PDB file of N, CA and C in Angstrom:
ATOM      1  N   MET A   1       6.503  -1.045  63.613  1.00  0.00           N
ATOM      2  CA  MET A   1       6.084  -1.983  64.625  1.00  0.00           C
ATOM      3  C   MET A   1       5.897  -1.223  65.944  1.00  0.00           C
ATOM      4  N   PHE A   2       6.147  -1.878  67.057  1.00  0.00           N
ATOM      5  CA  PHE A   2       5.921  -1.284  68.360  1.00  0.00           C
ATOM      6  C   PHE A   2       7.232  -0.936  69.045  1.00  0.00           C
ATOM      7  N   HIS A   3       7.227   0.165  69.738  1.00  0.00           N
ATOM      8  CA  HIS A   3       8.384   0.552  70.535  1.00  0.00           C
ATOM      9  C   HIS A   3       8.010   0.347  71.998  1.00  0.00           C
ATOM     10  N   GLY A   4       8.937  -0.075  72.795  1.00  0.00           N
ATOM     11  CA  GLY A   4       8.671  -0.358  74.200  1.00  0.00           C
ATOM     12  C   GLY A   4       8.872  -1.834  74.439  1.00  0.00           C
ATOM     13  N   LEU A   5       8.064  -2.396  75.307  1.00  0.00           N
ATOM     14  CA  LEU A   5       8.177  -3.807  75.656  1.00  0.00           C
ATOM     15  C   LEU A   5       7.462  -4.672  74.628  1.00  0.00           C
ATOM     16  N   VAL A   6       8.153  -5.682  74.132  1.00  0.00           N
ATOM     17  CA  VAL A   6       7.569  -6.669  73.234  1.00  0.00           C
ATOM     18  C   VAL A   6       7.739  -8.026  73.913  1.00  0.00           C
ATOM     19  N   LEU A   7       6.635  -8.740  74.081  1.00  0.00           N
ATOM     20  CA  LEU A   7       6.658 -10.080  74.681  1.00  0.00           C
ATOM     21  C   LEU A   7       6.421 -11.108  73.590  1.00  0.00           C
ATOM     22  N   THR A   8       7.142 -12.211  73.645  1.00  0.00           N
ATOM     23  CA  THR A   8       6.923 -13.286  72.686  1.00  0.00           C
ATOM     24  C   THR A   8       7.104 -14.632  73.378  1.00  0.00           C
ATOM     25  N   THR A   9       6.431 -15.648  72.849  1.00  0.00           N
ATOM     26  CA  THR A   9       6.622 -17.006  73.347  1.00  0.00           C
ATOM     27  C   THR A   9       7.508 -17.806  72.391  1.00  0.00           C
ATOM     28  N   ASN A  10       7.974 -17.170  71.327  1.00  0.00           N
ATOM     29  CA  ASN A  10       8.812 -17.857  70.342  1.00  0.00           C
ATOM     30  C   ASN A  10      10.240 -18.016  70.836  1.00  0.00           C
ATOM     31  N   PHE A  11      10.855 -19.120  70.448  1.00  0.00           N
ATOM     32  CA  PHE A  11      12.254 -19.376  70.781  1.00  0.00           C
ATOM     33  C   PHE A  11      13.203 -18.721  69.770  1.00  0.00           C
ATOM     34  N   ASP A  12      12.708 -18.431  68.580  1.00  0.00           N
ATOM     35  CA  ASP A  12      13.577 -18.009  67.481  1.00  0.00           C
ATOM     36  C   ASP A  12      13.974 -16.537  67.567  1.00  0.00           C
ATOM     37  N   GLU A  13      14.708 -16.067  66.572  1.00  0.00           N
ATOM     38  CA  GLU A  13      15.187 -14.691  66.543  1.00  0.00           C
ATOM     39  C   GLU A  13      14.473 -13.853  65.475  1.00  0.00           C
ATOM     40  N   THR A  14      13.253 -14.258  65.099  1.00  0.00           N
ATOM     41  CA  THR A  14      12.522 -13.552  64.049  1.00  0.00           C
ATOM     42  C   THR A  14      12.290 -12.091  64.396  1.00  0.00           C
ATOM     43  N   LEU A  15      11.837 -11.811  65.603  1.00  0.00           N
ATOM     44  CA  LEU A  15      11.560 -10.418  65.968  1.00  0.00           C
ATOM     45  C   LEU A  15      12.829  -9.574  65.989  1.00  0.00           C
ATOM     46  N   GLU A  16      13.932 -10.134  66.473  1.00  0.00           N
ATOM     47  CA  GLU A  16      15.192  -9.381  66.457  1.00  0.00           C
ATOM     48  C   GLU A  16      15.580  -9.037  65.022  1.00  0.00           C
ATOM     49  N   THR A  17      15.381  -9.984  64.103  1.00  0.00           N
ATOM     50  CA  THR A  17      15.716  -9.748  62.692  1.00  0.00           C
ATOM     51  C   THR A  17      14.824  -8.667  62.089  1.00  0.00           C
ATOM     52  N   VAL A  18      13.516  -8.775  62.309  1.00  0.00           N
ATOM     53  CA  VAL A  18      12.572  -7.803  61.741  1.00  0.00           C
ATOM     54  C   VAL A  18      12.836  -6.406  62.285  1.00  0.00           C
ATOM     55  N   TYR A  19      12.983  -6.282  63.586  1.00  0.00           N
ATOM     56  CA  TYR A  19      13.249  -4.969  64.177  1.00  0.00           C
ATOM     57  C   TYR A  19      14.609  -4.431  63.713  1.00  0.00           C
ATOM     58  N   GLY A  20      15.586  -5.293  63.538  1.00  0.00           N
ATOM     59  CA  GLY A  20      16.896  -4.873  63.044  1.00  0.00           C
ATOM     60  C   GLY A  20      16.823  -4.340  61.624  1.00  0.00           C
ATOM     61  N   VAL A  21      16.068  -5.030  60.758  1.00  0.00           N
ATOM     62  CA  VAL A  21      15.887  -4.578  59.373  1.00  0.00           C
ATOM     63  C   VAL A  21      15.209  -3.213  59.347  1.00  0.00           C
ATOM     64  N   CYS A  22      14.306  -2.978  60.299  1.00  0.00           N
ATOM     65  CA  CYS A  22      13.597  -1.692  60.391  1.00  0.00           C
ATOM     66  C   CYS A  22      14.423  -0.647  61.140  1.00  0.00           C
ATOM     67  N   ASP A  23      15.664  -0.979  61.453  1.00  0.00           N
ATOM     68  CA  ASP A  23      16.582  -0.079  62.158  1.00  0.00           C
ATOM     69  C   ASP A  23      16.034   0.354  63.518  1.00  0.00           C
ATOM     70  N   CYS A  24      15.467  -0.622  64.220  1.00  0.00           N
ATOM     71  CA  CYS A  24      14.890  -0.357  65.535  1.00  0.00           C
ATOM     72  C   CYS A  24      15.313  -1.485  66.490  1.00  0.00           C
ATOM     73  N   LEU A  25      16.609  -1.643  66.660  1.00  0.00           N
ATOM     74  CA  LEU A  25      17.143  -2.728  67.480  1.00  0.00           C
ATOM     75  C   LEU A  25      16.643  -2.645  68.921  1.00  0.00           C
ATOM     76  N   PHE A  26      16.445  -3.794  69.529  1.00  0.00           N
ATOM     77  CA  PHE A  26      16.059  -3.842  70.936  1.00  0.00           C
ATOM     78  C   PHE A  26      17.240  -3.442  71.804  1.00  0.00           C
ATOM     79  N   GLU A  27      16.970  -2.660  72.839  1.00  0.00           N
ATOM     80  CA  GLU A  27      18.011  -2.310  73.804  1.00  0.00           C
ATOM     81  C   GLU A  27      18.361  -3.523  74.658  1.00  0.00           C
ATOM     82  N   THR A  28      17.362  -4.354  74.925  1.00  0.00           N
ATOM     83  CA  THR A  28      17.531  -5.531  75.769  1.00  0.00           C
ATOM     84  C   THR A  28      16.754  -6.694  75.175  1.00  0.00           C
ATOM     85  N   VAL A  29      17.356  -7.876  75.156  1.00  0.00           N
ATOM     86  CA  VAL A  29      16.655  -9.119  74.833  1.00  0.00           C
ATOM     87  C   VAL A  29      16.859 -10.016  76.038  1.00  0.00           C
ATOM     88  N   SER A  30      15.758 -10.455  76.644  1.00  0.00           N
ATOM     89  CA  SER A  30      15.869 -11.232  77.865  1.00  0.00           C
ATOM     90  C   SER A  30      14.848 -12.361  77.865  1.00  0.00           C
ATOM     91  N   HIS A  31      14.905 -13.170  78.920  1.00  0.00           N
ATOM     92  CA  HIS A  31      14.052 -14.347  79.027  1.00  0.00           C
ATOM     93  C   HIS A  31      13.935 -14.756  80.485  1.00  0.00           C
ATOM     94  N   PRO A  32      13.126 -15.789  80.801  1.00  0.00           N
ATOM     95  CA  PRO A  32      12.955 -16.207  82.197  1.00  0.00           C
ATOM     96  C   PRO A  32      14.290 -16.418  82.899  1.00  0.00           C
ATOM     97  N   GLY A  33      14.291 -16.113  84.171  1.00  0.00           N
ATOM     98  CA  GLY A  33      15.503 -16.241  84.966  1.00  0.00           C
ATOM     99  C   GLY A  33      16.224 -14.914  85.125  1.00  0.00           C
ATOM    100  N   HIS A  34      15.725 -13.889  84.428  1.00  0.00           N
ATOM    101  CA  HIS A  34      16.315 -12.556  84.495  1.00  0.00           C
ATOM    102  C   HIS A  34      15.217 -11.559  84.867  1.00  0.00           C
ATOM    103  N   PRO A  35      15.360 -10.851  85.958  1.00  0.00           N
ATOM    104  CA  PRO A  35      14.287  -9.953  86.437  1.00  0.00           C
ATOM    105  C   PRO A  35      14.247  -8.628  85.674  1.00  0.00           C
ATOM    106  N   VAL A  36      13.997  -8.681  84.374  1.00  0.00           N
ATOM    107  CA  VAL A  36      14.006  -7.448  83.588  1.00  0.00           C
ATOM    108  C   VAL A  36      12.621  -6.849  83.383  1.00  0.00           C
ATOM    109  N   LEU A  37      11.565  -7.618  83.589  1.00  0.00           N
ATOM    110  CA  LEU A  37      10.232  -7.057  83.386  1.00  0.00           C
ATOM    111  C   LEU A  37       9.993  -5.866  84.314  1.00  0.00           C
ATOM    112  N   GLU A  38      10.567  -5.926  85.516  1.00  0.00           N
ATOM    113  CA  GLU A  38      10.479  -4.791  86.449  1.00  0.00           C
ATOM    114  C   GLU A  38      11.013  -3.519  85.815  1.00  0.00           C
ATOM    115  N   GLN A  39      12.110  -3.646  85.125  1.00  0.00           N
ATOM    116  CA  GLN A  39      12.749  -2.528  84.439  1.00  0.00           C
ATOM    117  C   GLN A  39      11.809  -1.923  83.391  1.00  0.00           C
ATOM    118  N   PHE A  40      11.085  -2.783  82.662  1.00  0.00           N
ATOM    119  CA  PHE A  40      10.137  -2.299  81.667  1.00  0.00           C
ATOM    120  C   PHE A  40       8.944  -1.610  82.310  1.00  0.00           C
ATOM    121  N   ILE A  41       8.525  -2.126  83.447  1.00  0.00           N
ATOM    122  CA  ILE A  41       7.381  -1.533  84.146  1.00  0.00           C
ATOM    123  C   ILE A  41       7.747  -0.145  84.663  1.00  0.00           C
ATOM    124  N   ARG A  42       8.943  -0.011  85.213  1.00  0.00           N
ATOM    125  CA  ARG A  42       9.394   1.281  85.740  1.00  0.00           C
ATOM    126  C   ARG A  42       9.701   2.282  84.638  1.00  0.00           C
ATOM    127  N   ASN A  43      10.206   1.798  83.507  1.00  0.00           N
ATOM    128  CA  ASN A  43      10.613   2.693  82.427  1.00  0.00           C
ATOM    129  C   ASN A  43       9.914   2.266  81.134  1.00  0.00           C
ATOM    130  N   PRO A  44       8.695   2.764  80.896  1.00  0.00           N
ATOM    131  CA  PRO A  44       7.924   2.331  79.731  1.00  0.00           C
ATOM    132  C   PRO A  44       8.554   2.709  78.394  1.00  0.00           C
ATOM    133  N   LYS A  45       9.538   3.594  78.391  1.00  0.00           N
ATOM    134  CA  LYS A  45      10.174   3.988  77.132  1.00  0.00           C
ATOM    135  C   LYS A  45      11.312   3.041  76.746  1.00  0.00           C
ATOM    136  N   HIS A  46      11.673   2.149  77.657  1.00  0.00           N
ATOM    137  CA  HIS A  46      12.734   1.180  77.371  1.00  0.00           C
ATOM    138  C   HIS A  46      12.250   0.235  76.277  1.00  0.00           C
ATOM    139  N   HIS A  47      13.033   0.076  75.227  1.00  0.00           N
ATOM    140  CA  HIS A  47      12.660  -0.771  74.088  1.00  0.00           C
ATOM    141  C   HIS A  47      13.350  -2.121  74.221  1.00  0.00           C
ATOM    142  N   GLY A  48      12.584  -3.138  74.580  1.00  0.00           N
ATOM    143  CA  GLY A  48      13.185  -4.442  74.795  1.00  0.00           C
ATOM    144  C   GLY A  48      12.257  -5.571  74.418  1.00  0.00           C
ATOM    145  N   LEU A  49      12.862  -6.733  74.274  1.00  0.00           N
ATOM    146  CA  LEU A  49      12.149  -7.958  73.932  1.00  0.00           C
ATOM    147  C   LEU A  49      12.286  -8.925  75.095  1.00  0.00           C
ATOM    148  N   PHE A  50      11.163  -9.478  75.539  1.00  0.00           N
ATOM    149  CA  PHE A  50      11.179 -10.510  76.569  1.00  0.00           C
ATOM    150  C   PHE A  50      10.643 -11.792  75.963  1.00  0.00           C
ATOM    151  N   LYS A  51      11.493 -12.808  75.891  1.00  0.00           N
ATOM    152  CA  LYS A  51      11.116 -14.113  75.349  1.00  0.00           C
ATOM    153  C   LYS A  51      10.623 -14.962  76.507  1.00  0.00           C
ATOM    154  N   MET A  52       9.306 -15.077  76.618  1.00  0.00           N
ATOM    155  CA  MET A  52       8.686 -15.712  77.780  1.00  0.00           C
ATOM    156  C   MET A  52       9.080 -17.179  77.965  1.00  0.00           C
ATOM    157  N   HIS A  53       9.483 -17.857  76.895  1.00  0.00           N
ATOM    158  CA  HIS A  53       9.859 -19.263  77.009  1.00  0.00           C
ATOM    159  C   HIS A  53      11.355 -19.472  76.827  1.00  0.00           C
ATOM    160  N   GLY A  54      12.113 -18.391  76.728  1.00  0.00           N
ATOM    161  CA  GLY A  54      13.553 -18.504  76.551  1.00  0.00           C
ATOM    162  C   GLY A  54      13.949 -18.465  75.093  1.00  0.00           C
ATOM    163  N   THR A  55      15.185 -18.785  74.831  1.00  0.00           N
ATOM    164  CA  THR A  55      15.696 -18.795  73.465  1.00  0.00           C
ATOM    165  C   THR A  55      16.560 -20.028  73.258  1.00  0.00           C
ATOM    166  N   VAL A  56      16.632 -20.510  72.041  1.00  0.00           N
ATOM    167  CA  VAL A  56      17.450 -21.679  71.744  1.00  0.00           C
ATOM    168  C   VAL A  56      18.486 -21.372  70.664  1.00  0.00           C
ATOM    169  N   ILE A  57      18.671 -20.090  70.363  1.00  0.00           N
ATOM    170  CA  ILE A  57      19.603 -19.668  69.320  1.00  0.00           C
ATOM    171  C   ILE A  57      20.502 -18.572  69.880  1.00  0.00           C
ATOM    172  N   GLY A  58      21.712 -18.522  69.418  1.00  0.00           N
ATOM    173  CA  GLY A  58      22.597 -17.416  69.766  1.00  0.00           C
ATOM    174  C   GLY A  58      23.254 -17.574  71.118  1.00  0.00           C
ATOM    175  N   ASN A  59      23.763 -16.453  71.628  1.00  0.00           N
ATOM    176  CA  ASN A  59      24.557 -16.498  72.862  1.00  0.00           C
ATOM    177  C   ASN A  59      23.722 -16.330  74.127  1.00  0.00           C
ATOM    178  N   LEU A  60      22.399 -16.265  74.020  1.00  0.00           N
ATOM    179  CA  LEU A  60      21.540 -16.111  75.197  1.00  0.00           C
ATOM    180  C   LEU A  60      21.013 -17.447  75.733  1.00  0.00           C
ATOM    181  N   ILE A  61      21.434 -18.559  75.138  1.00  0.00           N
ATOM    182  CA  ILE A  61      20.904 -19.863  75.545  1.00  0.00           C
ATOM    183  C   ILE A  61      21.292 -20.158  76.999  1.00  0.00           C
ATOM    184  N   GLU A  62      20.279 -20.410  77.800  1.00  0.00           N
ATOM    185  CA  GLU A  62      20.461 -20.873  79.176  1.00  0.00           C
ATOM    186  C   GLU A  62      19.487 -22.026  79.353  1.00  0.00           C
ATOM    187  N   TYR A  63      19.986 -23.231  79.191  1.00  0.00           N
ATOM    188  CA  TYR A  63      19.111 -24.397  79.158  1.00  0.00           C
ATOM    189  C   TYR A  63      18.246 -24.539  80.406  1.00  0.00           C
ATOM    190  N   GLU A  64      18.732 -24.098  81.561  1.00  0.00           N
ATOM    191  CA  GLU A  64      17.927 -24.211  82.778  1.00  0.00           C
ATOM    192  C   GLU A  64      16.763 -23.225  82.790  1.00  0.00           C
ATOM    193  N   ASN A  65      16.791 -22.206  81.932  1.00  0.00           N
ATOM    194  CA  ASN A  65      15.728 -21.199  81.910  1.00  0.00           C
ATOM    195  C   ASN A  65      14.789 -21.318  80.713  1.00  0.00           C
ATOM    196  N   ILE A  66      15.017 -22.298  79.856  1.00  0.00           N
ATOM    197  CA  ILE A  66      14.100 -22.518  78.737  1.00  0.00           C
ATOM    198  C   ILE A  66      12.810 -23.122  79.284  1.00  0.00           C
ATOM    199  N   VAL A  67      11.680 -22.702  78.751  1.00  0.00           N
ATOM    200  CA  VAL A  67      10.389 -23.280  79.149  1.00  0.00           C
ATOM    201  C   VAL A  67       9.943 -24.195  78.019  1.00  0.00           C
ATOM    202  N   PHE A  68      10.227 -25.474  78.202  1.00  0.00           N
ATOM    203  CA  PHE A  68       9.947 -26.448  77.159  1.00  0.00           C
ATOM    204  C   PHE A  68       9.239 -27.676  77.727  1.00  0.00           C
ATOM    205  N   THR A  69       9.689 -28.138  78.872  1.00  0.00           N
ATOM    206  CA  THR A  69       9.078 -29.309  79.494  1.00  0.00           C
ATOM    207  C   THR A  69       8.030 -28.856  80.517  1.00  0.00           C
ATOM    208  N   SER A  70       7.219 -29.786  80.974  1.00  0.00           N
ATOM    209  CA  SER A  70       6.199 -29.428  81.961  1.00  0.00           C
ATOM    210  C   SER A  70       6.849 -29.011  83.286  1.00  0.00           C
ATOM    211  N   ALA A  71       7.969 -29.619  83.650  1.00  0.00           N
ATOM    212  CA  ALA A  71       8.659 -29.227  84.891  1.00  0.00           C
ATOM    213  C   ALA A  71       9.193 -27.797  84.779  1.00  0.00           C
ATOM    214  N   GLN A  72       9.748 -27.453  83.628  1.00  0.00           N
ATOM    215  CA  GLN A  72      10.242 -26.087  83.421  1.00  0.00           C
ATOM    216  C   GLN A  72       9.078 -25.095  83.427  1.00  0.00           C
ATOM    217  N   TYR A  73       7.967 -25.482  82.797  1.00  0.00           N
ATOM    218  CA  TYR A  73       6.779 -24.626  82.791  1.00  0.00           C
ATOM    219  C   TYR A  73       6.310 -24.380  84.226  1.00  0.00           C
ATOM    220  N   ASP A  74       6.193 -25.442  85.000  1.00  0.00           N
ATOM    221  CA  ASP A  74       5.746 -25.314  86.392  1.00  0.00           C
ATOM    222  C   ASP A  74       6.687 -24.421  87.202  1.00  0.00           C
ATOM    223  N   ARG A  75       7.992 -24.565  86.983  1.00  0.00           N
ATOM    224  CA  ARG A  75       8.963 -23.749  87.727  1.00  0.00           C
ATOM    225  C   ARG A  75       8.816 -22.264  87.389  1.00  0.00           C
ATOM    226  N   HIS A  76       8.664 -21.939  86.126  1.00  0.00           N
ATOM    227  CA  HIS A  76       8.610 -20.530  85.720  1.00  0.00           C
ATOM    228  C   HIS A  76       7.216 -19.909  85.826  1.00  0.00           C
ATOM    229  N   TYR A  77       6.178 -20.721  85.628  1.00  0.00           N
ATOM    230  CA  TYR A  77       4.815 -20.186  85.621  1.00  0.00           C
ATOM    231  C   TYR A  77       3.971 -20.673  86.789  1.00  0.00           C
ATOM    232  N   GLY A  78       4.597 -21.234  87.795  1.00  0.00           N
ATOM    233  CA  GLY A  78       3.878 -21.656  88.992  1.00  0.00           C
ATOM    234  C   GLY A  78       3.247 -20.461  89.695  1.00  0.00           C
ATOM    235  N   LYS A  79       2.270 -20.732  90.515  1.00  0.00           N
ATOM    236  CA  LYS A  79       1.457 -19.692  91.156  1.00  0.00           C
ATOM    237  C   LYS A  79       2.264 -18.560  91.797  1.00  0.00           C
ATOM    238  N   ASP A  80       3.301 -18.864  92.507  1.00  0.00           N
ATOM    239  CA  ASP A  80       4.046 -17.836  93.232  1.00  0.00           C
ATOM    240  C   ASP A  80       5.410 -17.527  92.623  1.00  0.00           C
ATOM    241  N   SER A  81       5.605 -17.867  91.355  1.00  0.00           N
ATOM    242  CA  SER A  81       6.915 -17.645  90.740  1.00  0.00           C
ATOM    243  C   SER A  81       7.169 -16.153  90.502  1.00  0.00           C
ATOM    244  N   PRO A  82       8.428 -15.735  90.529  1.00  0.00           N
ATOM    245  CA  PRO A  82       8.753 -14.330  90.247  1.00  0.00           C
ATOM    246  C   PRO A  82       8.268 -13.886  88.867  1.00  0.00           C
ATOM    247  N   LEU A  83       8.328 -14.790  87.882  1.00  0.00           N
ATOM    248  CA  LEU A  83       7.882 -14.429  86.532  1.00  0.00           C
ATOM    249  C   LEU A  83       6.388 -14.106  86.513  1.00  0.00           C
ATOM    250  N   ILE A  84       5.581 -14.895  87.187  1.00  0.00           N
ATOM    251  CA  ILE A  84       4.139 -14.634  87.241  1.00  0.00           C
ATOM    252  C   ILE A  84       3.875 -13.301  87.933  1.00  0.00           C
ATOM    253  N   HIS A  85       4.574 -13.023  89.007  1.00  0.00           N
ATOM    254  CA  HIS A  85       4.445 -11.733  89.698  1.00  0.00           C
ATOM    255  C   HIS A  85       4.759 -10.582  88.741  1.00  0.00           C
ATOM    256  N   ASP A  86       5.865 -10.681  88.014  1.00  0.00           N
ATOM    257  CA  ASP A  86       6.260  -9.618  87.082  1.00  0.00           C
ATOM    258  C   ASP A  86       5.277  -9.486  85.927  1.00  0.00           C
ATOM    259  N   LEU A  87       4.800 -10.612  85.392  1.00  0.00           N
ATOM    260  CA  LEU A  87       3.830 -10.548  84.288  1.00  0.00           C
ATOM    261  C   LEU A  87       2.519  -9.920  84.737  1.00  0.00           C
ATOM    262  N   LYS A  88       2.042 -10.256  85.930  1.00  0.00           N
ATOM    263  CA  LYS A  88       0.812  -9.634  86.441  1.00  0.00           C
ATOM    264  C   LYS A  88       0.981  -8.130  86.565  1.00  0.00           C
ATOM    265  N   ALA A  89       2.120  -7.689  87.092  1.00  0.00           N
ATOM    266  CA  ALA A  89       2.377  -6.252  87.221  1.00  0.00           C
ATOM    267  C   ALA A  89       2.440  -5.597  85.852  1.00  0.00           C
ATOM    268  N   CYS A  90       3.076  -6.269  84.927  1.00  0.00           N
ATOM    269  CA  CYS A  90       3.211  -5.739  83.570  1.00  0.00           C
ATOM    270  C   CYS A  90       1.846  -5.618  82.896  1.00  0.00           C
ATOM    271  N   PHE A  91       1.047  -6.674  82.944  1.00  0.00           N
ATOM    272  CA  PHE A  91      -0.274  -6.656  82.313  1.00  0.00           C
ATOM    273  C   PHE A  91      -1.204  -5.653  82.991  1.00  0.00           C
ATOM    274  N   GLY A  92      -1.013  -5.428  84.277  1.00  0.00           N
ATOM    275  CA  GLY A  92      -1.862  -4.490  84.998  1.00  0.00           C
ATOM    276  C   GLY A  92      -1.545  -3.029  84.708  1.00  0.00           C
ATOM    277  N   LYS A  93      -0.354  -2.751  84.205  1.00  0.00           N
ATOM    278  CA  LYS A  93       0.065  -1.367  83.995  1.00  0.00           C
ATOM    279  C   LYS A  93       0.282  -0.988  82.535  1.00  0.00           C
ATOM    280  N   ARG A  94       0.162  -1.936  81.631  1.00  0.00           N
ATOM    281  CA  ARG A  94       0.465  -1.678  80.231  1.00  0.00           C
ATOM    282  C   ARG A  94      -0.696  -2.106  79.362  1.00  0.00           C
ATOM    283  N   ILE A  95      -0.846  -1.474  78.233  1.00  0.00           N
ATOM    284  CA  ILE A  95      -1.793  -1.923  77.213  1.00  0.00           C
ATOM    285  C   ILE A  95      -1.095  -3.009  76.430  1.00  0.00           C
ATOM    286  N   MET A  96      -1.768  -4.125  76.244  1.00  0.00           N
ATOM    287  CA  MET A  96      -1.169  -5.253  75.548  1.00  0.00           C
ATOM    288  C   MET A  96      -1.919  -5.512  74.249  1.00  0.00           C
ATOM    289  N   PHE A  97      -1.191  -5.797  73.199  1.00  0.00           N
ATOM    290  CA  PHE A  97      -1.757  -6.127  71.894  1.00  0.00           C
ATOM    291  C   PHE A  97      -1.351  -7.552  71.564  1.00  0.00           C
ATOM    292  N   PHE A  98      -2.342  -8.416  71.336  1.00  0.00           N
ATOM    293  CA  PHE A  98      -2.046  -9.812  71.007  1.00  0.00           C
ATOM    294  C   PHE A  98      -2.350 -10.053  69.540  1.00  0.00           C
TER     295      PHE A  98
END
């Protein structure tokens, strides 16, 4: 698979499982509300997963940071939100595969 930054909109732990089976565990698993995209931009060799809509499984659940309702979407993806700023910087400096 890919080493470095992996972005997903999924809530589940499928990517963590697949990468774990391939013996390529993520150094960091994060989601909205945590300014980690900056870290990936500065250090492209950092291997991490960013769950753009949050997670609903495991010990990373932070209900206030899940992107599920329209109000949560607006808060995290609004025009001047920190997440949008970080995503623009990330997309501007990295090759992205969809």
